[in-house]
């Protein structure tokens, strides 16, 4: 599920704080925005299989 809240992609270089918005562009600097929520998991995680097996075992 994709988050609707977006953050300015250039906020570290342009702004002194993160700028959050719902639009595709930053309202202050007109640069592109990106999804503010991190991915819930990394599909290339080499230890993901072991963590999931441990989680199943502890239930």
PDB file of N, CA and C in Angstrom:
ATOM      1  N   UNK A   1       0.832  -1.172   0.000  1.00  0.00           N
ATOM      2  CA  UNK A   1       0.000   0.000   0.000  1.00  0.00           C
ATOM      3  C   UNK A   1       0.883   1.244   0.000  1.00  0.00           C
ATOM      4  N   UNK A   2       0.564   2.153  -0.855  1.00  0.00           N
ATOM      5  CA  UNK A   2       1.361   3.363  -0.990  1.00  0.00           C
ATOM      6  C   UNK A   2       0.782   4.469  -0.130  1.00  0.00           C
ATOM      7  N   UNK A   3       1.636   5.197   0.535  1.00  0.00           N
ATOM      8  CA  UNK A   3       1.198   6.299   1.380  1.00  0.00           C
ATOM      9  C   UNK A   3       0.826   7.498   0.518  1.00  0.00           C
ATOM     10  N   UNK A   4      -0.192   8.233   0.946  1.00  0.00           N
ATOM     11  CA  UNK A   4      -0.593   9.442   0.225  1.00  0.00           C
ATOM     12  C   UNK A   4       0.255  10.638   0.616  1.00  0.00           C
ATOM     13  N   UNK A   5       0.887  10.585   1.767  1.00  0.00           N
ATOM     14  CA  UNK A   5       1.714  11.702   2.222  1.00  0.00           C
ATOM     15  C   UNK A   5       3.079  11.605   1.560  1.00  0.00           C
ATOM     16  N   UNK A   6       3.491  12.690   0.945  1.00  0.00           N
ATOM     17  CA  UNK A   6       4.746  12.710   0.209  1.00  0.00           C
ATOM     18  C   UNK A   6       5.663  13.766   0.822  1.00  0.00           C
ATOM     19  N   UNK A   7       6.980  13.609   0.602  1.00  0.00           N
ATOM     20  CA  UNK A   7       7.968  14.548   1.126  1.00  0.00           C
ATOM     21  C   UNK A   7       8.828  15.040  -0.034  1.00  0.00           C
ATOM     22  N   UNK A   8       9.280  16.277   0.066  1.00  0.00           N
ATOM     23  CA  UNK A   8      10.138  16.865  -0.969  1.00  0.00           C
ATOM     24  C   UNK A   8      11.412  16.041  -1.096  1.00  0.00           C
ATOM     25  N   UNK A   9      11.762  15.668  -2.308  1.00  0.00           N
ATOM     26  CA  UNK A   9      12.937  14.818  -2.517  1.00  0.00           C
ATOM     27  C   UNK A   9      14.247  15.567  -2.296  1.00  0.00           C
ATOM     28  N   UNK A  10      14.215  16.881  -2.356  1.00  0.00           N
ATOM     29  CA  UNK A  10      15.435  17.680  -2.189  1.00  0.00           C
ATOM     30  C   UNK A  10      15.424  18.452  -0.881  1.00  0.00           C
ATOM     31  N   UNK A  11      14.721  17.980   0.124  1.00  0.00           N
ATOM     32  CA  UNK A  11      14.589  18.778   1.347  1.00  0.00           C
ATOM     33  C   UNK A  11      15.902  18.910   2.096  1.00  0.00           C
ATOM     34  N   UNK A  12      16.800  17.948   2.001  1.00  0.00           N
ATOM     35  CA  UNK A  12      18.088  18.046   2.717  1.00  0.00           C
ATOM     36  C   UNK A  12      18.971  19.150   2.143  1.00  0.00           C
ATOM     37  N   UNK A  13      18.877  19.386   0.853  1.00  0.00           N
ATOM     38  CA  UNK A  13      19.708  20.401   0.216  1.00  0.00           C
ATOM     39  C   UNK A  13      19.035  21.774   0.209  1.00  0.00           C
ATOM     40  N   UNK A  14      17.712  21.818   0.123  1.00  0.00           N
ATOM     41  CA  UNK A  14      17.007  23.080  -0.089  1.00  0.00           C
ATOM     42  C   UNK A  14      16.371  23.619   1.194  1.00  0.00           C
ATOM     43  N   UNK A  15      15.754  22.749   1.983  1.00  0.00           N
ATOM     44  CA  UNK A  15      14.991  23.181   3.159  1.00  0.00           C
ATOM     45  C   UNK A  15      15.741  22.837   4.447  1.00  0.00           C
ATOM     46  N   UNK A  16      15.363  23.503   5.528  1.00  0.00           N
ATOM     47  CA  UNK A  16      15.975  23.190   6.819  1.00  0.00           C
ATOM     48  C   UNK A  16      15.189  22.128   7.582  1.00  0.00           C
ATOM     49  N   UNK A  17      14.044  21.717   7.043  1.00  0.00           N
ATOM     50  CA  UNK A  17      13.223  20.660   7.640  1.00  0.00           C
ATOM     51  C   UNK A  17      12.479  19.943   6.515  1.00  0.00           C
ATOM     52  N   UNK A  18      11.974  18.746   6.750  1.00  0.00           N
ATOM     53  CA  UNK A  18      11.199  18.056   5.712  1.00  0.00           C
ATOM     54  C   UNK A  18       9.911  18.816   5.393  1.00  0.00           C
ATOM     55  N   UNK A  19       9.565  18.864   4.122  1.00  0.00           N
ATOM     56  CA  UNK A  19       8.330  19.510   3.682  1.00  0.00           C
ATOM     57  C   UNK A  19       7.405  18.411   3.176  1.00  0.00           C
ATOM     58  N   UNK A  20       6.289  18.213   3.885  1.00  0.00           N
ATOM     59  CA  UNK A  20       5.323  17.182   3.537  1.00  0.00           C
ATOM     60  C   UNK A  20       4.173  17.788   2.755  1.00  0.00           C
ATOM     61  N   UNK A  21       3.648  17.022   1.794  1.00  0.00           N
ATOM     62  CA  UNK A  21       2.559  17.491   0.958  1.00  0.00           C
ATOM     63  C   UNK A  21       1.791  16.288   0.406  1.00  0.00           C
ATOM     64  N   UNK A  22       0.661  16.548  -0.203  1.00  0.00           N
ATOM     65  CA  UNK A  22      -0.114  15.504  -0.871  1.00  0.00           C
ATOM     66  C   UNK A  22       0.057  15.561  -2.384  1.00  0.00           C
ATOM     67  N   UNK A  23       0.705  16.601  -2.893  1.00  0.00           N
ATOM     68  CA  UNK A  23       0.846  16.777  -4.339  1.00  0.00           C
ATOM     69  C   UNK A  23       2.128  16.116  -4.853  1.00  0.00           C
ATOM     70  N   UNK A  24       2.270  16.114  -6.155  1.00  0.00           N
ATOM     71  CA  UNK A  24       3.426  15.502  -6.816  1.00  0.00           C
ATOM     72  C   UNK A  24       4.658  16.414  -6.808  1.00  0.00           C
ATOM     73  N   UNK A  25       4.473  17.697  -6.511  1.00  0.00           N
ATOM     74  CA  UNK A  25       5.591  18.633  -6.459  1.00  0.00           C
ATOM     75  C   UNK A  25       5.593  19.363  -5.123  1.00  0.00           C
ATOM     76  N   UNK A  26       6.755  19.800  -4.716  1.00  0.00           N
ATOM     77  CA  UNK A  26       6.914  20.532  -3.454  1.00  0.00           C
ATOM     78  C   UNK A  26       6.281  21.912  -3.600  1.00  0.00           C
ATOM     79  N   UNK A  27       5.460  22.331  -2.645  1.00  0.00           N
ATOM     80  CA  UNK A  27       4.831  23.649  -2.760  1.00  0.00           C
ATOM     81  C   UNK A  27       5.807  24.811  -2.567  1.00  0.00           C
ATOM     82  N   UNK A  28       6.960  24.571  -1.959  1.00  0.00           N
ATOM     83  CA  UNK A  28       7.910  25.656  -1.697  1.00  0.00           C
ATOM     84  C   UNK A  28       8.977  25.801  -2.775  1.00  0.00           C
ATOM     85  N   UNK A  29       9.458  24.677  -3.325  1.00  0.00           N
ATOM     86  CA  UNK A  29      10.564  24.772  -4.291  1.00  0.00           C
ATOM     87  C   UNK A  29      10.251  24.142  -5.649  1.00  0.00           C
ATOM     88  N   UNK A  30       9.086  23.565  -5.821  1.00  0.00           N
ATOM     89  CA  UNK A  30       8.634  22.955  -7.084  1.00  0.00           C
ATOM     90  C   UNK A  30       9.447  21.743  -7.514  1.00  0.00           C
ATOM     91  N   UNK A  31      10.218  21.130  -6.630  1.00  0.00           N
ATOM     92  CA  UNK A  31      10.916  19.904  -6.996  1.00  0.00           C
ATOM     93  C   UNK A  31       9.972  18.715  -6.814  1.00  0.00           C
ATOM     94  N   UNK A  32      10.345  17.581  -7.331  1.00  0.00           N
ATOM     95  CA  UNK A  32       9.505  16.388  -7.247  1.00  0.00           C
ATOM     96  C   UNK A  32       9.422  15.897  -5.808  1.00  0.00           C
ATOM     97  N   UNK A  33       8.337  15.200  -5.500  1.00  0.00           N
ATOM     98  CA  UNK A  33       8.177  14.623  -4.173  1.00  0.00           C
ATOM     99  C   UNK A  33       8.266  13.107  -4.267  1.00  0.00           C
ATOM    100  N   UNK A  34       8.529  12.478  -3.129  1.00  0.00           N
ATOM    101  CA  UNK A  34       8.625  11.023  -3.091  1.00  0.00           C
ATOM    102  C   UNK A  34       7.808  10.506  -1.924  1.00  0.00           C
ATOM    103  N   UNK A  35       7.535   9.234  -1.939  1.00  0.00           N
ATOM    104  CA  UNK A  35       6.755   8.596  -0.897  1.00  0.00           C
ATOM    105  C   UNK A  35       7.482   8.756   0.435  1.00  0.00           C
ATOM    106  N   UNK A  36       6.768   9.190   1.470  1.00  0.00           N
ATOM    107  CA  UNK A  36       7.414   9.456   2.753  1.00  0.00           C
ATOM    108  C   UNK A  36       7.552   8.203   3.610  1.00  0.00           C
ATOM    109  N   UNK A  37       6.781   7.169   3.333  1.00  0.00           N
ATOM    110  CA  UNK A  37       6.826   5.951   4.137  1.00  0.00           C
ATOM    111  C   UNK A  37       7.916   5.015   3.613  1.00  0.00           C
ATOM    112  N   UNK A  38       8.730   4.460   4.482  1.00  0.00           N
ATOM    113  CA  UNK A  38       9.735   3.503   4.007  1.00  0.00           C
ATOM    114  C   UNK A  38       9.080   2.195   3.587  1.00  0.00           C
ATOM    115  N   UNK A  39       9.770   1.440   2.789  1.00  0.00           N
ATOM    116  CA  UNK A  39       9.252   0.139   2.368  1.00  0.00           C
ATOM    117  C   UNK A  39       9.122  -0.770   3.585  1.00  0.00           C
ATOM    118  N   UNK A  40       8.067  -1.587   3.659  1.00  0.00           N
ATOM    119  CA  UNK A  40       7.887  -2.438   4.830  1.00  0.00           C
ATOM    120  C   UNK A  40       8.921  -3.558   4.908  1.00  0.00           C
ATOM    121  N   UNK A  41       9.518  -3.924   3.790  1.00  0.00           N
ATOM    122  CA  UNK A  41      10.541  -4.962   3.772  1.00  0.00           C
ATOM    123  C   UNK A  41      11.381  -4.807   2.519  1.00  0.00           C
ATOM    124  N   UNK A  42      12.539  -5.393   2.528  1.00  0.00           N
ATOM    125  CA  UNK A  42      13.430  -5.371   1.373  1.00  0.00           C
ATOM    126  C   UNK A  42      13.355  -6.731   0.692  1.00  0.00           C
ATOM    127  N   UNK A  43      12.901  -6.816  -0.549  1.00  0.00           N
ATOM    128  CA  UNK A  43      12.799  -8.112  -1.214  1.00  0.00           C
ATOM    129  C   UNK A  43      14.160  -8.786  -1.425  1.00  0.00           C
ATOM    130  N   UNK A  44      15.236  -8.023  -1.380  1.00  0.00           N
ATOM    131  CA  UNK A  44      16.567  -8.596  -1.571  1.00  0.00           C
ATOM    132  C   UNK A  44      17.268  -8.895  -0.257  1.00  0.00           C
ATOM    133  N   UNK A  45      16.533  -8.908   0.850  1.00  0.00           N
ATOM    134  CA  UNK A  45      17.098  -9.157   2.166  1.00  0.00           C
ATOM    135  C   UNK A  45      17.631 -10.592   2.239  1.00  0.00           C
ATOM    136  N   UNK A  46      18.944 -10.782   2.440  1.00  0.00           N
ATOM    137  CA  UNK A  46      19.492 -12.135   2.453  1.00  0.00           C
ATOM    138  C   UNK A  46      19.089 -12.942   3.687  1.00  0.00           C
ATOM    139  N   UNK A  47      18.670 -12.283   4.771  1.00  0.00           N
ATOM    140  CA  UNK A  47      18.319 -13.003   6.000  1.00  0.00           C
ATOM    141  C   UNK A  47      16.814 -13.042   6.241  1.00  0.00           C
ATOM    142  N   UNK A  48      16.015 -12.582   5.287  1.00  0.00           N
ATOM    143  CA  UNK A  48      14.572 -12.543   5.448  1.00  0.00           C
ATOM    144  C   UNK A  48      13.969 -13.920   5.689  1.00  0.00           C
ATOM    145  N   UNK A  49      14.464 -14.905   4.992  1.00  0.00           N
ATOM    146  CA  UNK A  49      13.946 -16.272   5.154  1.00  0.00           C
ATOM    147  C   UNK A  49      14.157 -16.759   6.589  1.00  0.00           C
ATOM    148  N   UNK A  50      15.300 -16.472   7.167  1.00  0.00           N
ATOM    149  CA  UNK A  50      15.605 -16.915   8.533  1.00  0.00           C
ATOM    150  C   UNK A  50      14.759 -16.164   9.568  1.00  0.00           C
ATOM    151  N   UNK A  51      14.548 -14.862   9.362  1.00  0.00           N
ATOM    152  CA  UNK A  51      13.726 -14.099  10.295  1.00  0.00           C
ATOM    153  C   UNK A  51      12.277 -14.569  10.272  1.00  0.00           C
ATOM    154  N   UNK A  52      11.767 -14.868   9.065  1.00  0.00           N
ATOM    155  CA  UNK A  52      10.394 -15.354   8.983  1.00  0.00           C
ATOM    156  C   UNK A  52      10.256 -16.726   9.617  1.00  0.00           C
ATOM    157  N   UNK A  53      11.244 -17.599   9.451  1.00  0.00           N
ATOM    158  CA  UNK A  53      11.193 -18.918  10.075  1.00  0.00           C
ATOM    159  C   UNK A  53      11.247 -18.799  11.594  1.00  0.00           C
ATOM    160  N   UNK A  54      12.051 -17.893  12.108  1.00  0.00           N
ATOM    161  CA  UNK A  54      12.137 -17.677  13.554  1.00  0.00           C
ATOM    162  C   UNK A  54      10.821 -17.121  14.097  1.00  0.00           C
ATOM    163  N   UNK A  55      10.193 -16.248  13.351  1.00  0.00           N
ATOM    164  CA  UNK A  55       8.916 -15.679  13.760  1.00  0.00           C
ATOM    165  C   UNK A  55       7.843 -16.779  13.815  1.00  0.00           C
ATOM    166  N   UNK A  56       7.827 -17.662  12.830  1.00  0.00           N
ATOM    167  CA  UNK A  56       6.858 -18.769  12.832  1.00  0.00           C
ATOM    168  C   UNK A  56       7.107 -19.701  13.998  1.00  0.00           C
ATOM    169  N   UNK A  57       8.363 -19.922  14.335  1.00  0.00           N
ATOM    170  CA  UNK A  57       8.721 -20.846  15.408  1.00  0.00           C
ATOM    171  C   UNK A  57       8.325 -20.292  16.777  1.00  0.00           C
ATOM    172  N   UNK A  58       8.372 -18.966  16.953  1.00  0.00           N
ATOM    173  CA  UNK A  58       8.077 -18.349  18.243  1.00  0.00           C
ATOM    174  C   UNK A  58       6.584 -18.155  18.491  1.00  0.00           C
ATOM    175  N   UNK A  59       5.739 -18.464  17.549  1.00  0.00           N
ATOM    176  CA  UNK A  59       4.290 -18.267  17.736  1.00  0.00           C
ATOM    177  C   UNK A  59       3.697 -19.317  18.587  1.00  0.00           C
TER     178      UNK A  59
END
